[in-house]
Structure formats: C-alpha cells, structure tokens
C-alpha atoms as a PDB file:
ATOM      1  CA  MET A   1      -8.337 -14.694  20.412  1.00  0.00           C
ATOM      2  CA  SER A   2      -9.748 -14.471  23.872  1.00  0.00           C
ATOM      3  CA  HIS A   3     -13.123 -12.938  23.022  1.00  0.00           C
ATOM      4  CA  THR A   4     -14.694 -11.404  26.060  1.00  0.00           C
ATOM      5  CA  ASP A   5     -18.474 -11.278  26.158  1.00  0.00           C
ATOM      6  CA  SER A   6     -19.709  -7.752  26.799  1.00  0.00           C
ATOM      7  CA  THR A   7     -21.386  -8.981  29.961  1.00  0.00           C
ATOM      8  CA  GLN A   8     -18.250 -10.604  31.421  1.00  0.00           C
ATOM      9  CA  PRO A   9     -15.248  -8.923  33.013  1.00  0.00           C
ATOM     10  CA  THR A  10     -12.131  -8.928  30.876  1.00  0.00           C
ATOM     11  CA  PRO A  11      -9.109 -10.946  31.980  1.00  0.00           C
ATOM     12  CA  SER A  12      -6.771  -8.495  30.215  1.00  0.00           C
ATOM     13  CA  SER A  13      -5.052  -5.815  32.246  1.00  0.00           C
ATOM     14  CA  ASP A  14      -5.067  -3.611  29.111  1.00  0.00           C
ATOM     15  CA  HIS A  15      -8.791  -2.931  29.383  1.00  0.00           C
ATOM     16  CA  HIS A  16     -10.949  -1.408  32.080  1.00  0.00           C
ATOM     17  CA  PRO A  17     -14.244  -3.056  32.995  1.00  0.00           C
ATOM     18  CA  MET A  18     -17.386  -1.248  31.860  1.00  0.00           C
ATOM     19  CA  ARG A  19     -18.467   1.218  34.535  1.00  0.00           C
ATOM     20  CA  ARG A  20     -22.214   1.058  33.795  1.00  0.00           C
ATOM     21  CA  ARG A  21     -22.567  -2.741  33.783  1.00  0.00           C
ATOM     22  CA  ASP A  22     -26.357  -2.320  33.763  1.00  0.00           C
ATOM     23  CA  ARG A  23     -26.024  -1.010  30.183  1.00  0.00           C
ATOM     24  CA  ALA A  24     -23.966  -3.919  28.842  1.00  0.00           C
ATOM     25  CA  LEU A  25     -25.540  -5.404  25.711  1.00  0.00           C
ATOM     26  CA  PRO A  26     -25.956  -9.167  25.481  1.00  0.00           C
ATOM     27  CA  ASP A  27     -23.305 -10.903  23.404  1.00  0.00           C
ATOM     28  CA  GLU A  28     -25.711 -11.769  20.561  1.00  0.00           C
ATOM     29  CA  TRP A  29     -26.865  -8.128  20.231  1.00  0.00           C
ATOM     30  CA  THR A  30     -23.255  -6.880  20.314  1.00  0.00           C
ATOM     31  CA  TRP A  31     -22.217  -9.216  17.479  1.00  0.00           C
ATOM     32  CA  HIS A  32     -25.345  -8.392  15.486  1.00  0.00           C
ATOM     33  CA  LEU A  33     -24.285  -4.733  15.574  1.00  0.00           C
ATOM     34  CA  ILE A  34     -20.704  -5.591  14.544  1.00  0.00           C
ATOM     35  CA  GLN A  35     -21.828  -7.804  11.666  1.00  0.00           C
ATOM     36  CA  ASN A  36     -24.497  -5.459  10.303  1.00  0.00           C
ATOM     37  CA  SER A  37     -23.005  -1.981  10.611  1.00  0.00           C
ATOM     38  CA  LEU A  38     -21.313  -0.378   7.623  1.00  0.00           C
ATOM     39  CA  TYR A  39     -18.528   1.615   9.257  1.00  0.00           C
ATOM     40  CA  GLY A  40     -16.963   2.645  12.526  1.00  0.00           C
ATOM     41  CA  VAL A  41     -14.164   4.807  13.860  1.00  0.00           C
ATOM     42  CA  LEU A  42     -10.713   3.256  14.134  1.00  0.00           C
ATOM     43  CA  SER A  43      -8.752   4.884  16.982  1.00  0.00           C
ATOM     44  CA  MET A  44      -4.998   4.648  17.289  1.00  0.00           C
ATOM     45  CA  VAL A  45      -2.044   6.391  18.885  1.00  0.00           C
ATOM     46  CA  SER A  46      -0.447   8.681  16.316  1.00  0.00           C
ATOM     47  CA  THR A  47       3.277   8.802  15.631  1.00  0.00           C
ATOM     48  CA  ASP A  48       3.504  11.999  17.725  1.00  0.00           C
ATOM     49  CA  ASN A  49       1.762  10.171  20.619  1.00  0.00           C
ATOM     50  CA  GLY A  50      -1.506  12.031  20.115  1.00  0.00           C
ATOM     51  CA  GLY A  51      -4.844  10.416  19.401  1.00  0.00           C
ATOM     52  CA  TYR A  52      -5.944   9.592  15.859  1.00  0.00           C
ATOM     53  CA  GLY A  53      -9.423   8.446  14.851  1.00  0.00           C
ATOM     54  CA  VAL A  54     -10.639   7.778  11.325  1.00  0.00           C
ATOM     55  CA  PRO A  55     -14.058   6.638  10.056  1.00  0.00           C
ATOM     56  CA  ILE A  56     -13.562   3.496   7.990  1.00  0.00           C
ATOM     57  CA  SER A  57     -15.499   0.601   6.472  1.00  0.00           C
ATOM     58  CA  TYR A  58     -14.669  -2.942   7.543  1.00  0.00           C
ATOM     59  CA  ALA A  59     -15.484  -6.627   7.216  1.00  0.00           C
ATOM     60  CA  VAL A  60     -15.782  -9.234   9.960  1.00  0.00           C
ATOM     61  CA  ASP A  61     -14.045 -12.609  10.081  1.00  0.00           C
ATOM     62  CA  GLY A  62     -16.125 -14.611  12.533  1.00  0.00           C
ATOM     63  CA  ARG A  63     -15.358 -13.408  16.023  1.00  0.00           C
ATOM     64  CA  GLU A  64     -11.634 -13.349  15.435  1.00  0.00           C
ATOM     65  CA  ALA A  65     -10.806 -10.214  13.451  1.00  0.00           C
ATOM     66  CA  LEU A  66     -11.973  -7.134  11.579  1.00  0.00           C
ATOM     67  CA  TYR A  67     -10.424  -6.337   8.183  1.00  0.00           C
ATOM     68  CA  PHE A  68      -9.887  -2.855   6.754  1.00  0.00           C
ATOM     69  CA  HIS A  69      -8.340  -1.570   3.555  1.00  0.00           C
ATOM     70  CA  GLY A  70      -6.797   1.692   2.498  1.00  0.00           C
ATOM     71  CA  ALA A  71      -3.968   3.426   0.715  1.00  0.00           C
ATOM     72  CA  ILE A  72      -0.533   1.824   0.616  1.00  0.00           C
ATOM     73  CA  LYS A  73       0.957   4.896   2.323  1.00  0.00           C
ATOM     74  CA  GLY A  74      -0.390   7.211   4.956  1.00  0.00           C
ATOM     75  CA  ARG A  75      -1.054   8.049   8.551  1.00  0.00           C
ATOM     76  CA  LYS A  76      -2.940   4.842   9.486  1.00  0.00           C
ATOM     77  CA  LEU A  77      -0.026   2.672   8.414  1.00  0.00           C
ATOM     78  CA  ASP A  78       2.561   4.907  10.060  1.00  0.00           C
ATOM     79  CA  ASN A  79       0.572   4.750  13.297  1.00  0.00           C
ATOM     80  CA  LEU A  80       0.043   0.975  13.314  1.00  0.00           C
ATOM     81  CA  ARG A  81       3.714   0.350  12.585  1.00  0.00           C
ATOM     82  CA  GLN A  82       4.681   2.421  15.626  1.00  0.00           C
ATOM     83  CA  ASN A  83       1.961   1.156  17.983  1.00  0.00           C
ATOM     84  CA  PRO A  84      -0.349  -1.661  16.837  1.00  0.00           C
ATOM     85  CA  LYS A  85      -2.835  -1.351  19.738  1.00  0.00           C
ATOM     86  CA  ALA A  86      -6.170   0.071  18.584  1.00  0.00           C
ATOM     87  CA  SER A  87      -9.888   0.239  19.223  1.00  0.00           C
ATOM     88  CA  PHE A  88     -12.785   0.364  16.798  1.00  0.00           C
ATOM     89  CA  CYS A  89     -16.068   2.044  17.775  1.00  0.00           C
ATOM     90  CA  ILE A  90     -19.395   1.354  16.089  1.00  0.00           C
ATOM     91  CA  VAL A  91     -22.479   3.408  16.926  1.00  0.00           C
ATOM     92  CA  GLY A  92     -25.779   1.898  15.894  1.00  0.00           C
ATOM     93  CA  ARG A  93     -29.193   3.401  16.475  1.00  0.00           C
ATOM     94  CA  VAL A  94     -29.447   6.644  18.449  1.00  0.00           C
ATOM     95  CA  GLU A  95     -32.631   8.487  19.394  1.00  0.00           C
ATOM     96  CA  THR A  96     -32.744  11.667  21.430  1.00  0.00           C
ATOM     97  CA  LEU A  97     -35.152  11.945  24.349  1.00  0.00           C
ATOM     98  CA  PRO A  98     -35.322  15.731  24.848  1.00  0.00           C
ATOM     99  CA  GLU A  99     -37.896  15.581  27.640  1.00  0.00           C
ATOM    100  CA  GLU A 100     -35.551  13.278  29.627  1.00  0.00           C
ATOM    101  CA  PHE A 101     -32.274  14.996  28.672  1.00  0.00           C
ATOM    102  CA  SER A 102     -31.146  11.563  27.531  1.00  0.00           C
ATOM    103  CA  THR A 103     -30.778   9.222  24.555  1.00  0.00           C
ATOM    104  CA  ARG A 104     -31.598   5.714  23.484  1.00  0.00           C
ATOM    105  CA  PHE A 105     -28.485   4.178  21.942  1.00  0.00           C
ATOM    106  CA  GLU A 106     -26.439   1.121  21.086  1.00  0.00           C
ATOM    107  CA  SER A 107     -22.690   0.994  20.567  1.00  0.00           C
ATOM    108  CA  VAL A 108     -19.770  -1.396  20.473  1.00  0.00           C
ATOM    109  CA  ILE A 109     -16.060  -0.989  21.067  1.00  0.00           C
ATOM    110  CA  VAL A 110     -13.689  -3.638  19.733  1.00  0.00           C
ATOM    111  CA  PHE A 111     -10.163  -3.701  21.179  1.00  0.00           C
ATOM    112  CA  GLY A 112      -7.186  -5.452  19.687  1.00  0.00           C
ATOM    113  CA  THR A 113      -3.917  -5.411  17.819  1.00  0.00           C
ATOM    114  CA  LEU A 114      -3.532  -4.261  14.209  1.00  0.00           C
ATOM    115  CA  THR A 115      -1.365  -6.118  11.737  1.00  0.00           C
ATOM    116  CA  GLU A 116      -0.632  -5.429   8.108  1.00  0.00           C
ATOM    117  CA  CYS A 117      -1.843  -8.324   5.955  1.00  0.00           C
ATOM    118  CA  THR A 118       0.186 -10.058   3.271  1.00  0.00           C
ATOM    119  CA  GLY A 119      -0.263 -13.083   1.017  1.00  0.00           C
ATOM    120  CA  GLU A 120      -3.385 -15.182   1.490  1.00  0.00           C
ATOM    121  CA  ASP A 121      -4.469 -13.191   4.545  1.00  0.00           C
ATOM    122  CA  LYS A 122      -4.526 -10.031   2.422  1.00  0.00           C
ATOM    123  CA  ILE A 123      -6.592 -11.804  -0.263  1.00  0.00           C
ATOM    124  CA  LYS A 124      -8.954 -13.094   2.440  1.00  0.00           C
ATOM    125  CA  GLY A 125      -9.458  -9.565   3.795  1.00  0.00           C
ATOM    126  CA  LEU A 126     -10.151  -8.137   0.333  1.00  0.00           C
ATOM    127  CA  GLU A 127     -12.631 -10.926  -0.425  1.00  0.00           C
ATOM    128  CA  LEU A 128     -14.491 -10.351   2.859  1.00  0.00           C
ATOM    129  CA  ILE A 129     -14.709  -6.612   2.172  1.00  0.00           C
ATOM    130  CA  LYS A 130     -15.869  -7.214  -1.410  1.00  0.00           C
ATOM    131  CA  ARG A 131     -18.578  -9.674  -0.290  1.00  0.00           C
ATOM    132  CA  LYS A 132     -19.853  -7.315   2.425  1.00  0.00           C
ATOM    133  CA  TYR A 133     -20.107  -4.141   0.340  1.00  0.00           C
ATOM    134  CA  SER A 134     -20.845  -5.528  -3.111  1.00  0.00           C
ATOM    135  CA  PRO A 135     -22.350  -9.021  -2.749  1.00  0.00           C
ATOM    136  CA  GLU A 136     -24.293  -8.778  -6.005  1.00  0.00           C
ATOM    137  CA  ASN A 137     -21.107  -7.914  -7.910  1.00  0.00           C
ATOM    138  CA  VAL A 138     -18.581 -10.287  -6.369  1.00  0.00           C
ATOM    139  CA  GLU A 139     -17.801 -11.999  -9.662  1.00  0.00           C
ATOM    140  CA  LYS A 140     -17.602  -8.702 -11.577  1.00  0.00           C
ATOM    141  CA  GLY A 141     -15.536  -7.036  -8.874  1.00  0.00           C
ATOM    142  CA  ILE A 142     -11.820  -6.549  -8.739  1.00  0.00           C
ATOM    143  CA  ASN A 143      -9.818  -9.737  -8.960  1.00  0.00           C
ATOM    144  CA  CYS A 144      -8.065  -9.549  -5.601  1.00  0.00           C
ATOM    145  CA  ARG A 145      -5.328 -11.899  -6.772  1.00  0.00           C
ATOM    146  CA  SER A 146      -4.385  -9.859  -9.840  1.00  0.00           C
ATOM    147  CA  SER A 147      -3.768  -6.522  -8.096  1.00  0.00           C
ATOM    148  CA  PRO A 148      -3.272  -6.990  -4.351  1.00  0.00           C
ATOM    149  CA  ASP A 149      -0.413  -4.478  -4.261  1.00  0.00           C
ATOM    150  CA  ALA A 150      -2.726  -1.625  -5.258  1.00  0.00           C
ATOM    151  CA  VAL A 151      -4.194  -1.474  -1.748  1.00  0.00           C
ATOM    152  CA  CYS A 152      -3.134  -2.076   1.840  1.00  0.00           C
ATOM    153  CA  VAL A 153      -5.149  -4.486   3.969  1.00  0.00           C
ATOM    154  CA  PHE A 154      -4.844  -4.636   7.722  1.00  0.00           C
ATOM    155  CA  LYS A 155      -6.731  -6.480  10.415  1.00  0.00           C
ATOM    156  CA  LEU A 156      -7.632  -5.928  14.010  1.00  0.00           C
ATOM    157  CA  GLU A 157      -7.151  -9.179  15.907  1.00  0.00           C
ATOM    158  CA  ILE A 158      -9.855  -8.985  18.546  1.00  0.00           C
ATOM    159  CA  SER A 159      -8.876  -9.179  22.214  1.00  0.00           C
ATOM    160  CA  GLN A 160     -12.048  -7.716  23.744  1.00  0.00           C
ATOM    161  CA  VAL A 161     -15.495  -6.583  22.675  1.00  0.00           C
ATOM    162  CA  THR A 162     -17.877  -4.464  24.744  1.00  0.00           C
ATOM    163  CA  GLY A 163     -21.412  -3.557  23.792  1.00  0.00           C
ATOM    164  CA  LYS A 164     -23.338  -0.843  25.568  1.00  0.00           C
ATOM    165  CA  GLY A 165     -26.879   0.410  25.120  1.00  0.00           C
ATOM    166  CA  SER A 166     -29.823   2.018  26.787  1.00  0.00           C
ATOM    167  CA  LYS A 167     -33.594   2.081  26.332  1.00  0.00           C
ATOM    168  CA  LEU A 168     -33.741   0.306  22.925  1.00  0.00           C
ATOM    169  CA  GLU A 169     -35.317  -2.964  21.894  1.00  0.00           C
ATOM    170  CA  SER A 170     -32.867  -5.628  20.795  1.00  0.00           C
ATOM    171  CA  PRO A 171     -32.768  -6.023  16.990  1.00  0.00           C
ATOM    172  CA  VAL A 172     -31.990  -9.694  17.559  1.00  0.00           C
ATOM    173  CA  GLU A 173     -35.154 -10.291  19.582  1.00  0.00           C
ATOM    174  CA  ALA A 174     -37.261  -8.311  17.082  1.00  0.00           C
ATOM    175  CA  LYS A 175     -36.109 -10.605  14.239  1.00  0.00           C
ATOM    176  CA  GLN A 176     -37.130 -13.709  16.176  1.00  0.00           C
ATOM    177  CA  GLU A 177     -40.723 -12.553  16.702  1.00  0.00           C
END
C-alpha cells in the first residue's frame, strides 16, 4: 500500500488533490476517525455504470485495508467484480452553526481496490469484524472457521486516505490532555 497522508499530495493519477488544503486533517486525527467510527458509506460503480453507495460496517487492518462482510450474492459483489475501484466515506462529528451558515465537521475518504476474500484472509476479516463489534463476546461468537461460506468478506486495499475537517477540536489532542 502506498498510504498517502491527508496532508500530502497523492502520487496517484487516479485521485485529485484536496481543493481546500487548509481543511486537511492531520494524519493521526484521520486514522483516529477511521479506527473509531462504526460505519461509513461504500461507493462503487454499478454494473450499469451508475453510482452505488451503501452504508456498511467495517473493520480496519492497520493502515493497509478495510474489511467488510455481507451476503454471498447481491449488488455489492456484482459491482466489485465488474469494477473493483471504490471509495469509503466516514463522517464523524458534525455541528451546525446556523448564525454562520456553516458547520463544524470531520470526515475521511478512503480510496482503494476491492477484492473478495478467501481462505485465511476471509477468516482474518471475519475475526477483525467480530473483535470490533463484539469484543466482549469474541469467544462466544460465531466460529469463523466452521461456517465461512455463510457470508462474503471483501476488503478495500487502501491506496489513499484523505481527512477533512473544520472548526472542531482534535479528539486525539483532547485524549492527551
């Protein structure tokens, strides 16, 4: 993976640089948001070449990939098999500022390539998801090795990450105080 810090220009010709560079979140804040959010919107090109976005839960594997799970048949899989390029948007805190006609906000967009997981990679994805959403029940949870065919697991191999925000205090700095 060639992770690109949200404050650095991307070397990839697939991605445009952030227009409002003054709103780029520091790398640590961006990754805090990715690691601590519960869901985001996965955006893909549909099989009819339209746009397709779906809210979905996820788990993070370091700074390399995001894992998702879902049904073994359906639109997401059809789309990724036709065009594996995707983005994943996470919106964190948002506060309206009516008197300023503005908002305080934080958001992240992760860009990359989707692949369908098999074998040990599929088990790894299921374990990461299980630990994120049910850490107190990991041992009681589904044995990922006994029924991996009951669910599809796919991952977004990260090529670029951008974080953007305005007028909020960093949650990372607040924790350090």
